[in-house]
Amino acid sequence: MILSLLSMNINYNSITSIKQILKERKIAPRKLWGQNYLINESIRQKIIESLDIKENEKIWEIGPGLGAMTDILLKKTNLLTAFEIDLKYSEILNEKFGKLKNFKLIKGDFLKKYPNENKNIDKIFSNLPYNIASKVISKLIEENFLKEMVLTVQKELADRITAKTNSKNYSSFTVLVQSHFTAIKIIDIGENNFYPAPKVKSTTLKLIPKKNNIKDFKEFNKLIRTVFSGRRKKLKNTIINFIKNKAILEENFLKEYLGKRPENISVEEFIQISNNLNAYH
């Protein structure tokens, strides 16, 4: 076990302490980058425990902020690579953890920086900024960079990720994520557990990679985006914008779904439809 050595004292459970360090560094939390600090220690511990870090595992943390989660992670992992877009927070992180051998800080936008990093890692952790959460998850799936992840996101997004077939939250994003991950809800987090308090509730999810038999990911992704663009329309009225040969509509593998709306079609059924359509291209 590796202990973190702090060069400054921040009480992550105290709004007063957080305000003080922000004032000293002339930092104003930015909504754009989701800079809300989780001030409930028991929730922080529960989230980290859900990551279930094993000995010698390498972890990525996206957006560590003031380092509340970073401090806990560094006691559990042999190598933590933290991606921080805000240079002022990067300075604080360097002062607190920079001398630790198991800490590496990458300054800049995660989506631009991670492609150049060593991807031999085990897990990803983040309290993802609400405005980029779906973009980060989608990008990692598109790049087929699938690692076990524990992510805190806006509850509305979490509800879409974990949605069931035939529900109002079931969407193209649901199908995209559930075709690549098993999604498990860890905890719902109320606004008052953060400073500054966001205007929305949050949920922590655990995403565990799973195998699928998607033959052509680009075509699969295009298919689900196309049919969900007309969410309330039946498949026969939307898939016409995807297929090149209308004769395919008469094929048995497709006919049984044409009278259904996309929200009534399961993830596995979408994969099967995509694979069968792929045979005609």
C-alpha atoms as a PDB file:
ATOM      1  CA  MET A   1       0.000   0.000   0.000  1.00  0.00           C
ATOM      2  CA  ILE A   2       1.363   3.413  -1.006  1.00  0.00           C
ATOM      3  CA  LEU A   3       0.566   6.431   1.147  1.00  0.00           C
ATOM      4  CA  SER A   4       0.057   9.858  -0.437  1.00  0.00           C
ATOM      5  CA  LEU A   5       2.137  12.723   0.955  1.00  0.00           C
ATOM      6  CA  LEU A   6       0.250  16.010   0.907  1.00  0.00           C
ATOM      7  CA  SER A   7       2.065  19.304   0.596  1.00  0.00           C
ATOM      8  CA  MET A   8      -1.092  21.183   1.573  1.00  0.00           C
ATOM      9  CA  ASN A   9      -4.061  20.390   3.750  1.00  0.00           C
ATOM     10  CA  ILE A  10      -7.502  20.350   2.165  1.00  0.00           C
ATOM     11  CA  ASN A  11     -10.454  19.032   4.098  1.00  0.00           C
ATOM     12  CA  TYR A  12     -12.476  17.567   1.242  1.00  0.00           C
ATOM     13  CA  ASN A  13     -15.518  17.257   3.506  1.00  0.00           C
ATOM     14  CA  SER A  14     -15.531  20.968   4.360  1.00  0.00           C
ATOM     15  CA  ILE A  15     -17.023  23.615   2.102  1.00  0.00           C
ATOM     16  CA  THR A  16     -15.071  26.209   4.111  1.00  0.00           C
ATOM     17  CA  SER A  17     -11.764  24.468   3.405  1.00  0.00           C
ATOM     18  CA  ILE A  18     -12.564  24.102  -0.289  1.00  0.00           C
ATOM     19  CA  LYS A  19     -13.603  27.748  -0.533  1.00  0.00           C
ATOM     20  CA  GLN A  20     -10.356  28.775   1.123  1.00  0.00           C
ATOM     21  CA  ILE A  21      -8.094  26.941  -1.328  1.00  0.00           C
ATOM     22  CA  LEU A  22     -10.153  28.206  -4.267  1.00  0.00           C
ATOM     23  CA  LYS A  23      -9.882  31.763  -2.981  1.00  0.00           C
ATOM     24  CA  GLU A  24      -6.130  31.483  -2.409  1.00  0.00           C
ATOM     25  CA  ARG A  25      -5.621  30.174  -5.946  1.00  0.00           C
ATOM     26  CA  LYS A  26      -8.133  32.575  -7.470  1.00  0.00           C
ATOM     27  CA  ILE A  27     -10.174  29.718  -8.877  1.00  0.00           C
ATOM     28  CA  ALA A  28     -13.870  29.914  -9.697  1.00  0.00           C
ATOM     29  CA  PRO A  29     -15.501  26.506 -10.304  1.00  0.00           C
ATOM     30  CA  ARG A  30     -16.505  26.231 -13.948  1.00  0.00           C
ATOM     31  CA  LYS A  31     -19.788  24.592 -14.899  1.00  0.00           C
ATOM     32  CA  LEU A  32     -18.379  23.905 -18.374  1.00  0.00           C
ATOM     33  CA  TRP A  33     -15.875  21.457 -16.912  1.00  0.00           C
ATOM     34  CA  GLY A  34     -18.184  20.049 -14.255  1.00  0.00           C
ATOM     35  CA  GLN A  35     -16.183  21.448 -11.352  1.00  0.00           C
ATOM     36  CA  ASN A  36     -18.399  20.355  -8.479  1.00  0.00           C
ATOM     37  CA  TYR A  37     -16.672  18.777  -5.486  1.00  0.00           C
ATOM     38  CA  LEU A  38     -18.087  15.704  -3.771  1.00  0.00           C
ATOM     39  CA  ILE A  39     -17.981  16.620  -0.081  1.00  0.00           C
ATOM     40  CA  ASN A  40     -19.513  13.434   1.346  1.00  0.00           C
ATOM     41  CA  GLU A  41     -16.674  11.176   2.501  1.00  0.00           C
ATOM     42  CA  SER A  42     -18.774   8.017   2.858  1.00  0.00           C
ATOM     43  CA  ILE A  43     -20.011   8.365  -0.720  1.00  0.00           C
ATOM     44  CA  ARG A  44     -16.466   8.907  -1.969  1.00  0.00           C
ATOM     45  CA  GLN A  45     -15.361   5.727  -0.216  1.00  0.00           C
ATOM     46  CA  LYS A  46     -18.312   3.741  -1.587  1.00  0.00           C
ATOM     47  CA  ILE A  47     -17.517   4.875  -5.122  1.00  0.00           C
ATOM     48  CA  ILE A  48     -13.841   3.936  -4.846  1.00  0.00           C
ATOM     49  CA  GLU A  49     -14.713   0.562  -3.304  1.00  0.00           C
ATOM     50  CA  SER A  50     -16.906  -0.189  -6.317  1.00  0.00           C
ATOM     51  CA  LEU A  51     -13.838   0.140  -8.543  1.00  0.00           C
ATOM     52  CA  ASP A  52     -12.472  -2.931  -6.721  1.00  0.00           C
ATOM     53  CA  ILE A  53      -8.810  -2.169  -7.413  1.00  0.00           C
ATOM     54  CA  LYS A  54      -6.567  -5.221  -7.368  1.00  0.00           C
ATOM     55  CA  GLU A  55      -2.840  -5.287  -6.623  1.00  0.00           C
ATOM     56  CA  ASN A  56      -0.678  -3.893  -9.454  1.00  0.00           C
ATOM     57  CA  GLU A  57      -3.650  -2.545 -11.427  1.00  0.00           C
ATOM     58  CA  LYS A  58      -3.095   0.664 -13.393  1.00  0.00           C
ATOM     59  CA  ILE A  59      -5.819   3.311 -13.278  1.00  0.00           C
ATOM     60  CA  TRP A  60      -6.774   6.370 -15.317  1.00  0.00           C
ATOM     61  CA  GLU A  61      -8.644   9.213 -13.629  1.00  0.00           C
ATOM     62  CA  ILE A  62     -10.392  11.794 -15.802  1.00  0.00           C
ATOM     63  CA  GLY A  63     -10.818  15.241 -14.245  1.00  0.00           C
ATOM     64  CA  PRO A  64      -9.385  14.854 -10.722  1.00  0.00           C
ATOM     65  CA  GLY A  65     -10.053  18.491  -9.783  1.00  0.00           C
ATOM     66  CA  LEU A  66      -8.718  19.186  -6.289  1.00  0.00           C
ATOM     67  CA  GLY A  67      -7.726  15.545  -5.834  1.00  0.00           C
ATOM     68  CA  ALA A  68     -10.252  14.187  -3.324  1.00  0.00           C
ATOM     69  CA  MET A  69     -10.624  10.899  -5.193  1.00  0.00           C
ATOM     70  CA  THR A  70      -7.014  10.984  -6.361  1.00  0.00           C
ATOM     71  CA  ASP A  71      -5.833  10.880  -2.756  1.00  0.00           C
ATOM     72  CA  ILE A  72      -7.799   7.680  -2.107  1.00  0.00           C
ATOM     73  CA  LEU A  73      -6.834   6.068  -5.416  1.00  0.00           C
ATOM     74  CA  LEU A  74      -3.121   6.630  -4.839  1.00  0.00           C
ATOM     75  CA  LYS A  75      -3.310   4.507  -1.696  1.00  0.00           C
ATOM     76  CA  LYS A  76      -4.662   1.593  -3.724  1.00  0.00           C
ATOM     77  CA  THR A  77      -2.870   1.566  -7.084  1.00  0.00           C
ATOM     78  CA  ASN A  78       0.708   1.225  -8.305  1.00  0.00           C
ATOM     79  CA  LEU A  79       0.135   3.761 -11.078  1.00  0.00           C
ATOM     80  CA  LEU A  80      -2.511   6.446 -11.392  1.00  0.00           C
ATOM     81  CA  THR A  81      -2.550   8.589 -14.517  1.00  0.00           C
ATOM     82  CA  ALA A  82      -4.697  11.683 -14.023  1.00  0.00           C
ATOM     83  CA  PHE A  83      -5.988  13.825 -16.897  1.00  0.00           C
ATOM     84  CA  GLU A  84      -6.781  17.422 -15.891  1.00  0.00           C
ATOM     85  CA  ILE A  85      -7.824  20.095 -18.381  1.00  0.00           C
ATOM     86  CA  ASP A  86      -7.645  23.061 -15.967  1.00  0.00           C
ATOM     87  CA  LEU A  87      -4.092  24.342 -15.502  1.00  0.00           C
ATOM     88  CA  LYS A  88      -4.820  25.841 -12.079  1.00  0.00           C
ATOM     89  CA  TYR A  89      -6.021  22.496 -10.778  1.00  0.00           C
ATOM     90  CA  SER A  90      -2.993  20.857 -12.381  1.00  0.00           C
ATOM     91  CA  GLU A  91      -0.758  23.091 -10.253  1.00  0.00           C
ATOM     92  CA  ILE A  92      -2.539  21.983  -7.085  1.00  0.00           C
ATOM     93  CA  LEU A  93      -2.356  18.314  -8.091  1.00  0.00           C
ATOM     94  CA  ASN A  94       1.368  18.620  -8.796  1.00  0.00           C
ATOM     95  CA  GLU A  95       1.979  20.204  -5.397  1.00  0.00           C
ATOM     96  CA  LYS A  96      -0.024  17.521  -3.584  1.00  0.00           C
ATOM     97  CA  PHE A  97       0.994  14.403  -5.459  1.00  0.00           C
ATOM     98  CA  GLY A  98       3.784  15.289  -7.876  1.00  0.00           C
ATOM     99  CA  LYS A  99       6.548  13.652  -5.814  1.00  0.00           C
ATOM    100  CA  LEU A 100       4.778  10.315  -5.618  1.00  0.00           C
ATOM    101  CA  LYS A 101       6.216   7.607  -7.855  1.00  0.00           C
ATOM    102  CA  ASN A 102       2.796   6.151  -8.591  1.00  0.00           C
ATOM    103  CA  PHE A 103       1.304   9.442  -9.830  1.00  0.00           C
ATOM    104  CA  LYS A 104       1.403  10.781 -13.379  1.00  0.00           C
ATOM    105  CA  LEU A 105      -0.364  13.983 -14.424  1.00  0.00           C
ATOM    106  CA  ILE A 106      -1.437  14.705 -17.995  1.00  0.00           C
ATOM    107  CA  LYS A 107      -2.418  18.336 -18.543  1.00  0.00           C
ATOM    108  CA  GLY A 108      -5.076  18.938 -21.159  1.00  0.00           C
ATOM    109  CA  ASP A 109      -8.287  17.622 -22.699  1.00  0.00           C
ATOM    110  CA  PHE A 110      -8.650  13.880 -22.082  1.00  0.00           C
ATOM    111  CA  LEU A 111     -10.111  13.205 -25.531  1.00  0.00           C
ATOM    112  CA  LYS A 112      -7.106  14.832 -27.178  1.00  0.00           C
ATOM    113  CA  LYS A 113      -4.448  13.468 -24.834  1.00  0.00           C
ATOM    114  CA  TYR A 114      -5.358   9.848 -24.160  1.00  0.00           C
ATOM    115  CA  PRO A 115      -4.587   8.529 -27.686  1.00  0.00           C
ATOM    116  CA  ASN A 116      -0.901   9.286 -27.066  1.00  0.00           C
ATOM    117  CA  GLU A 117      -0.733   7.538 -23.687  1.00  0.00           C
ATOM    118  CA  ASN A 118       0.221   3.973 -22.838  1.00  0.00           C
ATOM    119  CA  LYS A 119      -3.103   2.135 -22.984  1.00  0.00           C
ATOM    120  CA  ASN A 120      -1.893  -0.835 -20.985  1.00  0.00           C
ATOM    121  CA  ILE A 121      -4.220   0.008 -18.105  1.00  0.00           C
ATOM    122  CA  ASP A 122      -6.882  -1.870 -16.177  1.00  0.00           C
ATOM    123  CA  LYS A 123      -9.603   0.565 -15.174  1.00  0.00           C
ATOM    124  CA  ILE A 124     -10.912   4.095 -15.711  1.00  0.00           C
ATOM    125  CA  PHE A 125     -12.436   6.308 -13.047  1.00  0.00           C
ATOM    126  CA  SER A 126     -14.111   9.697 -13.357  1.00  0.00           C
ATOM    127  CA  ASN A 127     -16.669  12.117 -12.039  1.00  0.00           C
ATOM    128  CA  LEU A 128     -17.384  13.069 -15.642  1.00  0.00           C
ATOM    129  CA  PRO A 129     -18.405  16.628 -16.475  1.00  0.00           C
ATOM    130  CA  TYR A 130     -22.065  16.380 -17.391  1.00  0.00           C
ATOM    131  CA  ASN A 131     -21.665  18.094 -20.752  1.00  0.00           C
ATOM    132  CA  ILE A 132     -19.031  15.671 -22.071  1.00  0.00           C
ATOM    133  CA  ALA A 133     -19.944  12.370 -20.407  1.00  0.00           C
ATOM    134  CA  SER A 134     -21.761  10.841 -23.374  1.00  0.00           C
ATOM    135  CA  LYS A 135     -19.043  12.082 -25.733  1.00  0.00           C
ATOM    136  CA  VAL A 136     -16.276  10.412 -23.705  1.00  0.00           C
ATOM    137  CA  ILE A 137     -18.146   7.107 -23.411  1.00  0.00           C
ATOM    138  CA  SER A 138     -19.064   7.108 -27.114  1.00  0.00           C
ATOM    139  CA  LYS A 139     -15.505   7.890 -28.154  1.00  0.00           C
ATOM    140  CA  LEU A 140     -14.029   5.060 -26.096  1.00  0.00           C
ATOM    141  CA  ILE A 141     -16.546   2.642 -27.596  1.00  0.00           C
ATOM    142  CA  GLU A 142     -15.881   3.870 -31.141  1.00  0.00           C
ATOM    143  CA  GLU A 143     -12.154   3.377 -30.588  1.00  0.00           C
ATOM    144  CA  ASN A 144     -12.858  -0.077 -29.101  1.00  0.00           C
ATOM    145  CA  PHE A 145     -10.948   0.985 -25.995  1.00  0.00           C
ATOM    146  CA  LEU A 146     -13.065  -0.938 -23.524  1.00  0.00           C
ATOM    147  CA  LYS A 147     -11.964  -0.997 -19.901  1.00  0.00           C
ATOM    148  CA  GLU A 148     -13.858  -1.487 -16.672  1.00  0.00           C
ATOM    149  CA  MET A 149     -15.061   1.969 -15.645  1.00  0.00           C
ATOM    150  CA  VAL A 150     -16.658   3.604 -12.636  1.00  0.00           C
ATOM    151  CA  LEU A 151     -18.222   6.889 -13.693  1.00  0.00           C
ATOM    152  CA  THR A 152     -20.332   9.464 -11.914  1.00  0.00           C
ATOM    153  CA  VAL A 153     -22.645  11.131 -14.414  1.00  0.00           C
ATOM    154  CA  GLN A 154     -25.857  13.099 -14.534  1.00  0.00           C
ATOM    155  CA  LYS A 155     -28.714  10.877 -13.318  1.00  0.00           C
ATOM    156  CA  GLU A 156     -30.634  11.509 -16.518  1.00  0.00           C
ATOM    157  CA  LEU A 157     -27.759  10.057 -18.554  1.00  0.00           C
ATOM    158  CA  ALA A 158     -27.385   7.122 -16.155  1.00  0.00           C
ATOM    159  CA  ASP A 159     -31.082   6.360 -16.586  1.00  0.00           C
ATOM    160  CA  ARG A 160     -30.569   6.230 -20.351  1.00  0.00           C
ATOM    161  CA  ILE A 161     -27.527   3.977 -20.033  1.00  0.00           C
ATOM    162  CA  THR A 162     -29.340   1.483 -17.786  1.00  0.00           C
ATOM    163  CA  ALA A 163     -32.739   1.718 -19.494  1.00  0.00           C
ATOM    164  CA  LYS A 164     -34.775  -1.373 -20.312  1.00  0.00           C
ATOM    165  CA  THR A 165     -36.406  -2.167 -23.634  1.00  0.00           C
ATOM    166  CA  ASN A 166     -39.915  -0.628 -23.941  1.00  0.00           C
ATOM    167  CA  SER A 167     -39.073   2.231 -21.549  1.00  0.00           C
ATOM    168  CA  LYS A 168     -39.060   5.967 -22.266  1.00  0.00           C
ATOM    169  CA  ASN A 169     -35.327   6.256 -21.509  1.00  0.00           C
ATOM    170  CA  TYR A 170     -34.341   3.518 -23.978  1.00  0.00           C
ATOM    171  CA  SER A 171     -32.353   5.241 -26.733  1.00  0.00           C
ATOM    172  CA  SER A 172     -29.627   4.795 -29.330  1.00  0.00           C
ATOM    173  CA  PHE A 173     -27.111   5.613 -26.584  1.00  0.00           C
ATOM    174  CA  THR A 174     -28.606   2.832 -24.446  1.00  0.00           C
ATOM    175  CA  VAL A 175     -28.088   0.346 -27.267  1.00  0.00           C
ATOM    176  CA  LEU A 176     -24.571   1.626 -27.969  1.00  0.00           C
ATOM    177  CA  VAL A 177     -23.444   1.280 -24.349  1.00  0.00           C
ATOM    178  CA  GLN A 178     -25.279  -1.941 -23.473  1.00  0.00           C
ATOM    179  CA  SER A 179     -23.931  -3.664 -26.584  1.00  0.00           C
ATOM    180  CA  HIS A 180     -20.416  -3.174 -25.199  1.00  0.00           C
ATOM    181  CA  PHE A 181     -20.846  -3.013 -21.416  1.00  0.00           C
ATOM    182  CA  THR A 182     -22.869  -4.425 -18.570  1.00  0.00           C
ATOM    183  CA  ALA A 183     -24.046  -1.334 -16.685  1.00  0.00           C
ATOM    184  CA  ILE A 184     -24.545  -1.516 -12.914  1.00  0.00           C
ATOM    185  CA  LYS A 185     -25.902   1.328 -10.796  1.00  0.00           C
ATOM    186  CA  ILE A 186     -23.766   1.925  -7.692  1.00  0.00           C
ATOM    187  CA  ILE A 187     -25.430   4.894  -6.011  1.00  0.00           C
ATOM    188  CA  ASP A 188     -27.645   7.923  -6.656  1.00  0.00           C
ATOM    189  CA  ILE A 189     -26.149  11.148  -5.298  1.00  0.00           C
ATOM    190  CA  GLY A 190     -28.238  14.164  -4.312  1.00  0.00           C
ATOM    191  CA  GLU A 191     -27.202  17.692  -5.201  1.00  0.00           C
ATOM    192  CA  ASN A 192     -26.423  18.650  -1.582  1.00  0.00           C
ATOM    193  CA  ASN A 193     -23.476  16.232  -1.544  1.00  0.00           C
ATOM    194  CA  PHE A 194     -21.545  18.560  -3.851  1.00  0.00           C
ATOM    195  CA  TYR A 195     -20.064  22.024  -3.650  1.00  0.00           C
ATOM    196  CA  PRO A 196     -21.129  24.023  -5.536  1.00  0.00           C
ATOM    197  CA  ALA A 197     -24.413  22.126  -5.642  1.00  0.00           C
ATOM    198  CA  PRO A 198     -25.302  21.223  -9.239  1.00  0.00           C
ATOM    199  CA  LYS A 199     -28.842  21.678 -10.496  1.00  0.00           C
ATOM    200  CA  VAL A 200     -29.191  17.985 -11.297  1.00  0.00           C
ATOM    201  CA  LYS A 201     -28.882  14.687  -9.446  1.00  0.00           C
ATOM    202  CA  SER A 202     -25.942  12.388 -10.134  1.00  0.00           C
ATOM    203  CA  THR A 203     -25.516   8.628 -10.365  1.00  0.00           C
ATOM    204  CA  THR A 204     -22.404   6.481 -10.147  1.00  0.00           C
ATOM    205  CA  LEU A 205     -22.298   3.586 -12.604  1.00  0.00           C
ATOM    206  CA  LYS A 206     -19.963   0.664 -13.067  1.00  0.00           C
ATOM    207  CA  LEU A 207     -19.454  -0.349 -16.694  1.00  0.00           C
ATOM    208  CA  ILE A 208     -18.009  -3.819 -17.245  1.00  0.00           C
ATOM    209  CA  PRO A 209     -16.876  -4.695 -20.802  1.00  0.00           C
ATOM    210  CA  LYS A 210     -18.600  -7.621 -22.455  1.00  0.00           C
ATOM    211  CA  LYS A 211     -18.132  -9.458 -25.713  1.00  0.00           C
ATOM    212  CA  ASN A 212     -20.535  -8.988 -28.603  1.00  0.00           C
ATOM    213  CA  ASN A 213     -20.760 -10.324 -32.125  1.00  0.00           C
ATOM    214  CA  ILE A 214     -21.197  -7.036 -33.980  1.00  0.00           C
ATOM    215  CA  LYS A 215     -19.708  -7.637 -37.425  1.00  0.00           C
ATOM    216  CA  ASP A 216     -19.450  -4.005 -38.535  1.00  0.00           C
ATOM    217  CA  PHE A 217     -19.477  -1.419 -35.749  1.00  0.00           C
ATOM    218  CA  LYS A 218     -19.801   1.614 -38.035  1.00  0.00           C
ATOM    219  CA  GLU A 219     -22.863   0.153 -39.743  1.00  0.00           C
ATOM    220  CA  PHE A 220     -24.340  -0.878 -36.395  1.00  0.00           C
ATOM    221  CA  ASN A 221     -23.851   2.617 -34.967  1.00  0.00           C
ATOM    222  CA  LYS A 222     -25.314   4.210 -38.084  1.00  0.00           C
ATOM    223  CA  LEU A 223     -28.326   1.886 -37.940  1.00  0.00           C
ATOM    224  CA  ILE A 224     -29.284   2.655 -34.347  1.00  0.00           C
ATOM    225  CA  ARG A 225     -28.778   6.394 -34.830  1.00  0.00           C
ATOM    226  CA  THR A 226     -30.947   6.322 -37.944  1.00  0.00           C
ATOM    227  CA  VAL A 227     -33.891   4.429 -36.488  1.00  0.00           C
ATOM    228  CA  PHE A 228     -33.886   6.300 -33.168  1.00  0.00           C
ATOM    229  CA  SER A 229     -33.942   9.638 -35.001  1.00  0.00           C
ATOM    230  CA  GLY A 230     -37.622   8.834 -35.510  1.00  0.00           C
ATOM    231  CA  ARG A 231     -38.189   7.413 -32.069  1.00  0.00           C
ATOM    232  CA  ARG A 232     -41.985   7.280 -32.263  1.00  0.00           C
ATOM    233  CA  LYS A 233     -42.006   5.962 -35.809  1.00  0.00           C
ATOM    234  CA  LYS A 234     -42.160   2.304 -36.665  1.00  0.00           C
ATOM    235  CA  LEU A 235     -39.043   0.682 -38.032  1.00  0.00           C
ATOM    236  CA  LYS A 236     -40.494   0.378 -41.535  1.00  0.00           C
ATOM    237  CA  ASN A 237     -40.633   4.186 -41.744  1.00  0.00           C
ATOM    238  CA  THR A 238     -37.096   4.860 -40.519  1.00  0.00           C
ATOM    239  CA  ILE A 239     -34.940   1.972 -41.681  1.00  0.00           C
ATOM    240  CA  ILE A 240     -35.750   2.962 -45.260  1.00  0.00           C
ATOM    241  CA  ASN A 241     -33.224   5.782 -44.729  1.00  0.00           C
ATOM    242  CA  PHE A 242     -30.538   3.238 -43.910  1.00  0.00           C
ATOM    243  CA  ILE A 243     -30.932   0.404 -46.385  1.00  0.00           C
ATOM    244  CA  LYS A 244     -29.829   0.652 -50.012  1.00  0.00           C
ATOM    245  CA  ASN A 245     -32.065  -2.062 -51.420  1.00  0.00           C
ATOM    246  CA  LYS A 246     -35.775  -1.859 -50.563  1.00  0.00           C
ATOM    247  CA  ALA A 247     -36.163  -5.533 -51.421  1.00  0.00           C
ATOM    248  CA  ILE A 248     -34.527  -6.267 -48.061  1.00  0.00           C
ATOM    249  CA  LEU A 249     -37.779  -5.183 -46.404  1.00  0.00           C
ATOM    250  CA  GLU A 250     -39.296  -8.455 -47.585  1.00  0.00           C
ATOM    251  CA  GLU A 251     -36.655 -10.598 -45.922  1.00  0.00           C
ATOM    252  CA  ASN A 252     -37.920 -12.708 -43.026  1.00  0.00           C
ATOM    253  CA  PHE A 253     -35.163 -11.592 -40.630  1.00  0.00           C
ATOM    254  CA  LEU A 254     -36.443  -8.017 -40.903  1.00  0.00           C
ATOM    255  CA  LYS A 255     -40.197  -8.339 -41.454  1.00  0.00           C
ATOM    256  CA  GLU A 256     -41.000  -9.208 -37.833  1.00  0.00           C
ATOM    257  CA  TYR A 257     -39.488  -5.917 -36.632  1.00  0.00           C
ATOM    258  CA  LEU A 258     -40.945  -3.518 -39.210  1.00  0.00           C
ATOM    259  CA  GLY A 259     -44.093  -2.914 -37.176  1.00  0.00           C
ATOM    260  CA  LYS A 260     -42.145  -2.126 -34.006  1.00  0.00           C
ATOM    261  CA  ARG A 261     -40.754   1.149 -32.732  1.00  0.00           C
ATOM    262  CA  PRO A 262     -37.006   1.193 -31.964  1.00  0.00           C
ATOM    263  CA  GLU A 263     -37.679   1.333 -28.224  1.00  0.00           C
ATOM    264  CA  ASN A 264     -39.385  -2.090 -28.538  1.00  0.00           C
ATOM    265  CA  ILE A 265     -36.322  -3.791 -30.040  1.00  0.00           C
ATOM    266  CA  SER A 266     -33.682  -5.250 -27.717  1.00  0.00           C
ATOM    267  CA  VAL A 267     -29.941  -4.688 -27.909  1.00  0.00           C
ATOM    268  CA  GLU A 268     -29.333  -8.256 -29.093  1.00  0.00           C
ATOM    269  CA  GLU A 269     -32.035  -7.913 -31.732  1.00  0.00           C
ATOM    270  CA  PHE A 270     -30.420  -4.727 -33.058  1.00  0.00           C
ATOM    271  CA  ILE A 271     -27.094  -6.556 -33.300  1.00  0.00           C
ATOM    272  CA  GLN A 272     -28.748  -9.387 -35.234  1.00  0.00           C
ATOM    273  CA  ILE A 273     -30.549  -6.972 -37.575  1.00  0.00           C
ATOM    274  CA  SER A 274     -27.311  -5.102 -38.238  1.00  0.00           C
ATOM    275  CA  ASN A 275     -25.365  -8.284 -38.947  1.00  0.00           C
ATOM    276  CA  ASN A 276     -28.029  -9.552 -41.337  1.00  0.00           C
ATOM    277  CA  LEU A 277     -28.182  -6.217 -43.156  1.00  0.00           C
ATOM    278  CA  ASN A 278     -24.409  -6.224 -43.362  1.00  0.00           C
ATOM    279  CA  ALA A 279     -24.585  -9.391 -45.458  1.00  0.00           C
ATOM    280  CA  TYR A 280     -26.452  -7.443 -48.153  1.00  0.00           C
ATOM    281  CA  HIS A 281     -23.934  -4.592 -48.412  1.00  0.00           C
END
